[in-house]
Amino acid sequence: MPILFKPLRRLADRMQRLVARSRLMVSLAVLVRNQARCVIKYHLAESPDVGETGEGWVRAIVVAQDARLVDVGANVGDWLAGALASARGSISAIACEPSASALARLRARFVDDARVHIVEAALGDRAGEMAFVEEPEAGRGSTLVPGLGRLDGAARSVAVTTLAAVLERAGWDGAEMVKIDAEGFDGRVILGGEALVRERHLGVVQFEYNRGWQLAAQTLYGTYRFFEDAGYRVFLLKRDGLYVLDYARYEEYYEYSNFVAISPTWMPRFAAFVRGTI
């Protein structure tokens, strides 16, 4: 079989080189690739709605006991409100949000809740200031990633800090769960908690993967390696459980999906939800 395979590969290579000379065929190839990525997206992620992604049951497992939560990209606080409502243990929470319109609603929502501390900042891999494209009316697509925001978004400079700095300022040595929804900047948020991950001070880290990762110069593979080198296990999150992603099959598809990194201490609580490889 290998002897026959080599001539076929050489023939395929010659045909691809020939087709590549046609601008029309290259445009068609790009169109097919983009549609293929969308097919992969809908195979790996059913919906961006919390109730359809599995975020709810992951959150419920964590808040079944006393927990410290960090909500990065809290927006108007829907995820955090769900955590507080379903908590069976004592909860302390930090909500990080740079959007002015979202912050106003976030503060109004939790004004009387002493469990919630709100940080007016974006998170990244280093402290400073960055251009932030803010969507009107607390839009969920507000982002630090250049070229990703909507055309009707307003660009302004916002303060950027790190996950490590936020926890240190709060006097926390770690957190039971960190939820990250940073519109493509998730990988850089994770890097801002490097020591916390390496020392396994974060129990569960949920993050979103999408097209913004490419524009932010981040890769899913790099994030996988970062967590796995620290002893965490990383799973694709679906509504019916946790799946081991066959990275060699999908590679960097840069479409919406949710992932969860789980520390060795927390893994026994989630072992029954591991469904296999996808």
Protein backbone atom coordinates (compact mmCIF):
# COMPACT_ATOMS: atom_id res chain seq x y z
CA MET A 1 0.00 0.00 0.00
CA PRO A 2 2.76 2.57 0.83
CA ILE A 3 4.38 1.89 -2.58
CA LEU A 4 1.10 2.72 -4.37
CA PHE A 5 0.39 5.67 -2.08
CA LYS A 6 3.51 7.64 -3.01
CA PRO A 7 2.63 8.00 -6.73
CA LEU A 8 -0.89 9.07 -5.77
CA ARG A 9 0.50 11.71 -3.46
CA ARG A 10 2.79 13.01 -6.20
CA LEU A 11 -0.15 13.14 -8.63
CA ALA A 12 -2.30 14.98 -6.08
CA ASP A 13 0.53 17.44 -5.46
CA ARG A 14 0.86 18.20 -9.20
CA MET A 15 -2.90 18.71 -9.49
CA GLN A 16 -2.96 21.04 -6.47
CA ARG A 17 -0.12 23.10 -7.89
CA LEU A 18 -1.96 23.36 -11.20
CA VAL A 19 -5.25 24.38 -9.54
CA ALA A 20 -3.40 26.93 -7.39
CA ARG A 21 -2.58 28.94 -10.53
CA SER A 22 -6.27 29.78 -10.94
CA ARG A 23 -7.51 32.73 -8.87
CA LEU A 24 -11.05 31.44 -9.24
CA MET A 25 -10.12 28.02 -7.85
CA VAL A 26 -8.21 29.60 -4.96
CA SER A 27 -11.24 31.75 -4.12
CA LEU A 28 -13.40 28.63 -4.23
CA ALA A 29 -10.94 26.79 -1.96
CA VAL A 30 -11.13 29.64 0.60
CA LEU A 31 -14.94 29.56 0.46
CA VAL A 32 -15.01 25.80 1.00
CA ARG A 33 -12.52 26.07 3.87
CA ASN A 34 -14.63 28.72 5.63
CA GLN A 35 -17.79 26.67 5.25
CA ALA A 36 -15.96 23.59 6.51
CA ARG A 37 -14.92 25.50 9.63
CA CYS A 38 -18.56 26.36 10.28
CA VAL A 39 -19.51 22.70 9.96
CA ILE A 40 -16.82 21.84 12.52
CA LYS A 41 -18.14 24.59 14.81
CA TYR A 42 -21.66 23.18 14.84
CA HIS A 43 -20.29 19.69 15.41
CA LEU A 44 -18.32 20.77 18.46
CA ALA A 45 -20.59 23.46 19.93
CA GLU A 46 -24.37 23.28 19.89
CA SER A 47 -25.15 26.88 20.90
CA PRO A 48 -23.64 29.95 22.60
CA ASP A 49 -26.58 29.94 25.05
CA VAL A 50 -25.48 28.99 28.60
CA GLY A 51 -28.32 26.50 28.92
CA GLU A 52 -27.20 24.70 25.77
CA THR A 53 -23.44 24.57 26.35
CA GLY A 54 -23.05 22.70 29.62
CA GLU A 55 -21.86 25.82 31.45
CA GLY A 56 -24.74 25.49 33.88
CA TRP A 57 -23.98 21.98 35.13
CA VAL A 58 -20.24 22.69 35.41
CA ARG A 59 -21.00 25.77 37.48
CA ALA A 60 -23.45 23.81 39.66
CA ILE A 61 -20.79 21.23 40.55
CA VAL A 62 -18.41 23.96 41.69
CA VAL A 63 -20.93 25.93 43.77
CA ALA A 64 -22.19 22.81 45.52
CA GLN A 65 -19.55 23.65 48.11
CA ASP A 66 -17.88 26.82 49.40
CA ALA A 67 -16.29 28.50 46.40
CA ARG A 68 -14.44 31.57 45.22
CA LEU A 69 -15.47 32.54 41.71
CA VAL A 70 -13.89 34.89 39.16
CA ASP A 71 -16.05 36.01 36.24
CA VAL A 72 -13.81 37.53 33.56
CA GLY A 73 -15.85 39.42 31.01
CA ALA A 74 -18.87 39.42 33.32
CA ASN A 75 -20.96 41.65 31.03
CA VAL A 76 -24.26 42.22 32.89
CA GLY A 77 -23.71 39.30 35.27
CA ASP A 78 -25.96 36.55 33.93
CA TRP A 79 -23.44 33.75 34.55
CA LEU A 80 -22.64 35.05 38.02
CA ALA A 81 -26.28 35.46 38.94
CA GLY A 82 -26.86 31.84 37.96
CA ALA A 83 -23.96 30.76 40.16
CA LEU A 84 -25.28 32.67 43.17
CA ALA A 85 -28.81 31.37 42.68
CA SER A 86 -27.74 27.72 42.55
CA ALA A 87 -25.08 27.89 45.27
CA ARG A 88 -25.31 25.41 48.12
CA GLY A 89 -22.16 26.63 49.80
CA SER A 90 -20.72 30.02 50.75
CA ILE A 91 -19.75 32.08 47.68
CA SER A 92 -17.33 34.95 47.16
CA ALA A 93 -17.12 36.38 43.67
CA ILE A 94 -15.08 38.83 41.62
CA ALA A 95 -16.64 40.17 38.42
CA CYS A 96 -14.28 41.84 35.92
CA GLU A 97 -15.74 44.03 33.17
CA PRO A 98 -14.37 47.02 31.20
CA SER A 99 -17.54 47.98 29.26
CA ALA A 100 -19.11 51.16 30.69
CA SER A 101 -22.66 50.22 29.66
CA ALA A 102 -22.31 46.68 31.01
CA LEU A 103 -20.72 47.93 34.24
CA ALA A 104 -23.68 50.19 35.00
CA ARG A 105 -26.07 47.25 34.79
CA LEU A 106 -23.66 44.93 36.62
CA ARG A 107 -23.32 47.33 39.55
CA ALA A 108 -27.06 47.90 39.74
CA ARG A 109 -27.70 44.17 39.73
CA PHE A 110 -25.35 43.36 42.62
CA VAL A 111 -25.42 46.63 44.55
CA ASP A 112 -26.85 44.94 47.65
CA ASP A 113 -24.91 41.69 47.38
CA ALA A 114 -21.83 41.74 49.60
CA ARG A 115 -20.62 38.49 48.04
CA VAL A 116 -19.75 40.24 44.77
CA HIS A 117 -16.77 42.52 44.20
CA ILE A 118 -16.69 44.31 40.84
CA VAL A 119 -13.41 45.20 39.10
CA GLU A 120 -13.60 47.85 36.39
CA ALA A 121 -10.91 46.53 34.07
CA ALA A 122 -10.18 44.16 31.23
CA LEU A 123 -7.85 41.23 31.89
CA GLY A 124 -4.88 40.16 29.82
CA ASP A 125 -1.33 38.83 30.06
CA ARG A 126 0.12 42.12 31.32
CA ALA A 127 -1.04 45.28 33.06
CA GLY A 128 -1.41 48.58 31.25
CA GLU A 129 -3.89 50.23 28.92
CA MET A 130 -5.32 49.00 25.64
CA ALA A 131 -7.79 50.07 22.99
CA PHE A 132 -11.18 48.50 23.65
CA VAL A 133 -14.02 48.37 21.14
CA GLU A 134 -17.25 48.65 23.12
CA GLU A 135 -20.56 47.64 21.61
CA PRO A 136 -23.59 49.77 22.53
CA GLU A 137 -26.14 48.63 25.12
CA ALA A 138 -23.78 46.22 26.92
CA GLY A 139 -23.19 44.23 23.73
CA ARG A 140 -21.54 40.88 24.32
CA GLY A 141 -19.04 41.33 21.49
CA SER A 142 -17.02 44.15 23.07
CA THR A 143 -13.36 43.23 22.72
CA LEU A 144 -9.68 44.08 23.09
CA VAL A 145 -8.83 42.15 19.93
CA PRO A 146 -8.04 44.52 17.02
CA GLY A 147 -10.24 43.96 13.98
CA LEU A 148 -12.81 41.81 15.78
CA GLY A 149 -15.33 44.34 17.11
CA ARG A 150 -18.52 45.40 15.35
CA LEU A 151 -18.50 48.48 13.12
CA ASP A 152 -20.90 50.29 15.46
CA GLY A 153 -18.58 49.77 18.41
CA ALA A 154 -16.83 52.78 19.99
CA ALA A 155 -13.07 52.50 20.59
CA ARG A 156 -11.63 53.86 23.82
CA SER A 157 -8.71 53.18 26.12
CA VAL A 158 -9.33 50.95 29.15
CA ALA A 159 -7.27 49.70 32.06
CA VAL A 160 -5.93 46.15 31.69
CA THR A 161 -4.77 44.03 34.60
CA THR A 162 -3.98 40.35 35.12
CA LEU A 163 -5.80 37.49 36.79
CA ALA A 164 -2.92 37.13 39.24
CA ALA A 165 -3.11 40.81 40.20
CA VAL A 166 -6.89 40.69 40.69
CA LEU A 167 -6.62 37.73 43.06
CA GLU A 168 -3.70 39.24 44.94
CA ARG A 169 -5.60 42.50 45.42
CA ALA A 170 -8.56 40.54 46.80
CA GLY A 171 -6.30 38.63 49.20
CA TRP A 172 -7.09 35.31 47.52
CA ASP A 173 -4.44 32.64 47.05
CA GLY A 174 -6.55 30.99 44.35
CA ALA A 175 -10.09 30.36 43.13
CA GLU A 176 -12.30 27.33 42.79
CA MET A 177 -13.52 28.48 39.38
CA VAL A 178 -12.58 31.08 36.78
CA LYS A 179 -15.00 31.71 33.91
CA ILE A 180 -13.47 33.58 30.97
CA ASP A 181 -15.48 35.17 28.18
CA ALA A 182 -13.07 37.76 26.81
CA GLU A 183 -14.09 37.75 23.13
CA GLY A 184 -10.91 36.31 21.68
CA PHE A 185 -8.58 37.50 24.45
CA ASP A 186 -9.17 34.39 26.58
CA GLY A 187 -5.75 32.89 25.87
CA ARG A 188 -4.02 36.04 27.07
CA VAL A 189 -6.19 36.15 30.19
CA ILE A 190 -5.04 32.62 31.00
CA LEU A 191 -1.39 33.63 30.57
CA GLY A 192 -2.01 36.42 33.08
CA GLY A 193 -2.58 33.71 35.68
CA GLU A 194 0.49 31.66 34.78
CA ALA A 195 1.79 31.11 38.32
CA LEU A 196 -1.71 30.30 39.59
CA VAL A 197 -2.03 27.56 36.98
CA ARG A 198 1.45 26.15 37.46
CA GLU A 199 0.91 25.98 41.22
CA ARG A 200 -2.62 24.56 40.69
CA HIS A 201 -4.32 27.33 42.65
CA LEU A 202 -7.21 27.43 40.16
CA GLY A 203 -9.63 24.52 40.40
CA VAL A 204 -11.67 24.84 37.20
CA VAL A 205 -11.03 27.24 34.33
CA GLN A 206 -13.71 27.59 31.68
CA PHE A 207 -12.80 29.55 28.55
CA GLU A 208 -14.24 30.33 25.15
CA TYR A 209 -12.45 29.67 21.86
CA ASN A 210 -13.36 31.55 18.68
CA ARG A 211 -12.08 33.50 15.68
CA GLY A 212 -10.68 36.19 17.93
CA TRP A 213 -7.93 33.83 19.08
CA GLN A 214 -6.35 33.99 15.65
CA LEU A 215 -6.37 37.81 15.66
CA ALA A 216 -4.96 37.79 19.20
CA ALA A 217 -2.08 35.52 18.08
CA GLN A 218 -3.16 32.69 20.40
CA THR A 219 -3.65 28.98 19.71
CA LEU A 220 -5.75 26.28 21.29
CA TYR A 221 -2.76 23.95 21.10
CA GLY A 222 -0.59 26.35 23.10
CA THR A 223 -3.27 26.71 25.76
CA TYR A 224 -3.73 22.94 25.95
CA ARG A 225 0.00 22.47 26.47
CA PHE A 226 0.11 25.22 29.08
CA PHE A 227 -2.59 23.55 31.19
CA GLU A 228 -1.48 19.98 30.60
CA ASP A 229 2.12 20.77 31.53
CA ALA A 230 0.74 21.93 34.89
CA GLY A 231 -1.19 18.68 35.38
CA TYR A 232 -4.65 19.87 34.34
CA ARG A 233 -6.92 18.00 31.95
CA VAL A 234 -8.60 20.02 29.20
CA PHE A 235 -11.97 19.10 27.72
CA LEU A 236 -14.37 20.36 25.11
CA LEU A 237 -17.54 21.30 26.99
CA LYS A 238 -20.87 20.13 25.56
CA ARG A 239 -24.30 20.05 27.18
CA ASP A 240 -24.11 16.30 27.78
CA GLY A 241 -20.59 16.14 29.19
CA LEU A 242 -16.87 16.62 28.70
CA TYR A 243 -15.07 15.41 25.59
CA VAL A 244 -11.39 14.88 24.84
CA LEU A 245 -10.75 16.84 21.66
CA ASP A 246 -8.75 15.02 18.98
CA TYR A 247 -6.59 18.04 18.20
CA ALA A 248 -4.70 16.28 15.39
CA ARG A 249 -8.02 15.87 13.59
CA TYR A 250 -9.42 19.41 13.97
CA GLU A 251 -6.28 21.52 14.47
CA GLU A 252 -6.92 25.27 14.82
CA TYR A 253 -10.44 25.74 13.49
CA TYR A 254 -10.96 29.17 15.14
CA GLU A 255 -14.71 28.89 15.63
CA TYR A 256 -16.89 29.17 18.72
CA SER A 257 -16.48 26.40 21.31
CA ASN A 258 -16.24 26.18 25.10
CA PHE A 259 -13.44 24.40 26.92
CA VAL A 260 -12.80 23.49 30.55
CA ALA A 261 -9.43 22.93 32.22
CA ILE A 262 -9.72 20.92 35.43
CA SER A 263 -7.05 20.55 38.10
CA PRO A 264 -6.16 17.12 39.55
CA THR A 265 -7.87 18.03 42.85
CA TRP A 266 -11.18 18.74 41.10
CA MET A 267 -11.02 16.00 38.49
CA PRO A 268 -12.74 13.32 40.65
CA ARG A 269 -15.87 15.51 40.81
CA PHE A 270 -16.05 15.58 37.01
CA ALA A 271 -14.85 12.07 36.13
CA ALA A 272 -18.40 10.76 35.64
CA PHE A 273 -19.05 13.41 32.98
CA VAL A 274 -16.15 12.44 30.68
CA ARG A 275 -17.76 11.00 27.54
CA GLY A 276 -14.73 10.02 25.48
CA THR A 277 -12.94 11.43 22.45
CA ILE A 278 -14.53 13.55 19.77
